[in-house]
Amino acid sequence: MARQDSAQPEAVSAKVRDLQLMLNQTKNEVMTLKEQLTNSREASNHYKEIADSAEKRLSESNDAAKALKDDLETRLKKAVQEKDTSEAK
C-alpha cells in the first residue's frame, strides 16, 4: 500500500505538469492567433484603402471621359453647323 500512496502523488504531479504544459501551449497558440488576427486586420484595412483609392480614381476617370465626350460632341455639332452654314452660302 505504501507503493500506491507514493505513486499517486507522482501521478498527480505528472498530471499537473502535463496540464501546465498544455496550458502554456494553449496560451502560446492564443497569442500567435491574436497576432495573426491583428496582421490580417491590418492587411484587410490596407487592401480596403487600395480599393477605395482605385474606386475614386476610376470615378474621376469616368467623369473626365464623360466631360471630354460631351466637349467633343459639342465641338462636332458646332463644326457640322458651321459647315452647313458655309455650304448654304
Protein backbone atom coordinates (compact mmCIF):
# COMPACT_ATOMS: atom_id res chain seq x y z
CA MET A 1 0.00 0.00 0.00
CA ALA A 2 2.94 2.28 0.60
CA ARG A 3 3.85 1.99 -3.05
CA GLN A 4 0.39 3.06 -4.18
CA ASP A 5 0.44 6.05 -1.84
CA SER A 6 3.77 7.24 -3.19
CA ALA A 7 2.75 6.55 -6.79
CA GLN A 8 -0.42 8.61 -6.53
CA PRO A 9 1.32 11.89 -5.68
CA GLU A 10 3.74 11.27 -8.54
CA ALA A 11 0.85 10.61 -10.91
CA VAL A 12 -0.92 13.75 -9.70
CA SER A 13 2.28 15.73 -10.03
CA ALA A 14 2.81 14.40 -13.56
CA LYS A 15 -0.79 15.21 -14.44
CA VAL A 16 -0.36 18.75 -13.08
CA ARG A 17 2.83 19.18 -15.13
CA ASP A 18 1.02 17.90 -18.23
CA LEU A 19 -1.85 20.29 -17.64
CA GLN A 20 0.53 23.20 -17.08
CA LEU A 21 2.33 22.33 -20.29
CA MET A 22 -0.97 22.18 -22.17
CA LEU A 23 -1.99 25.49 -20.65
CA ASN A 24 1.27 27.14 -21.72
CA GLN A 25 0.96 25.69 -25.22
CA THR A 26 -2.62 26.92 -25.45
CA LYS A 27 -1.60 30.39 -24.24
CA ASN A 28 1.16 30.50 -26.86
CA GLU A 29 -1.28 29.40 -29.54
CA VAL A 30 -3.79 32.06 -28.48
CA MET A 31 -1.07 34.71 -28.58
CA THR A 32 0.04 33.55 -32.05
CA LEU A 33 -3.54 33.53 -33.31
CA LYS A 34 -4.13 37.03 -31.90
CA GLU A 35 -1.03 38.26 -33.74
CA GLN A 36 -2.24 36.61 -36.95
CA LEU A 37 -5.66 38.21 -36.49
CA THR A 38 -4.09 41.62 -35.98
CA ASN A 39 -1.93 41.17 -39.07
CA SER A 40 -4.93 40.01 -41.08
CA ARG A 41 -6.96 43.02 -39.98
CA GLU A 42 -4.12 45.36 -40.93
CA ALA A 43 -3.80 43.71 -44.34
CA SER A 44 -7.57 43.89 -44.82
CA ASN A 45 -7.57 47.60 -43.98
CA HIS A 46 -4.65 48.15 -46.35
CA TYR A 47 -6.47 46.41 -49.21
CA LYS A 48 -9.64 48.36 -48.42
CA GLU A 49 -7.68 51.61 -48.71
CA ILE A 50 -6.25 50.44 -52.04
CA ALA A 51 -9.72 49.51 -53.30
CA ASP A 52 -11.20 52.81 -52.14
CA SER A 53 -8.40 54.72 -53.86
CA ALA A 54 -8.83 52.74 -57.08
CA GLU A 55 -12.58 53.31 -56.98
CA LYS A 56 -12.06 57.05 -56.54
CA ARG A 57 -9.57 57.20 -59.43
CA LEU A 58 -11.93 55.20 -61.64
CA SER A 59 -14.81 57.54 -60.82
CA GLU A 60 -12.63 60.57 -61.60
CA SER A 61 -11.51 58.96 -64.84
CA ASN A 62 -15.11 58.24 -65.84
CA ASP A 63 -16.08 61.82 -65.07
CA ALA A 64 -13.17 63.14 -67.15
CA ALA A 65 -14.05 60.81 -70.05
CA LYS A 66 -17.69 61.94 -69.93
CA ALA A 67 -16.66 65.60 -69.89
CA LEU A 68 -14.32 65.02 -72.86
CA LYS A 69 -17.05 63.16 -74.77
CA ASP A 70 -19.54 65.97 -74.12
CA ASP A 71 -16.98 68.58 -75.22
CA LEU A 72 -16.13 66.68 -78.41
CA GLU A 73 -19.80 66.15 -79.25
CA THR A 74 -20.45 69.86 -78.76
CA ARG A 75 -17.48 70.77 -80.99
CA LEU A 76 -18.62 68.29 -83.63
CA LYS A 77 -22.14 69.71 -83.67
CA LYS A 78 -20.72 73.23 -83.93
CA ALA A 79 -18.39 72.18 -86.78
CA VAL A 80 -21.24 70.49 -88.63
CA GLN A 81 -23.40 73.60 -88.24
CA GLU A 82 -20.56 75.83 -89.48
CA LYS A 83 -20.04 73.51 -92.46
CA ASP A 84 -23.74 73.50 -93.27
CA THR A 85 -23.84 77.28 -92.92
CA SER A 86 -20.84 77.78 -95.20
CA GLU A 87 -22.23 75.36 -97.78
CA ALA A 88 -25.59 77.13 -97.74
CA LYS A 89 -23.98 80.42 -98.68
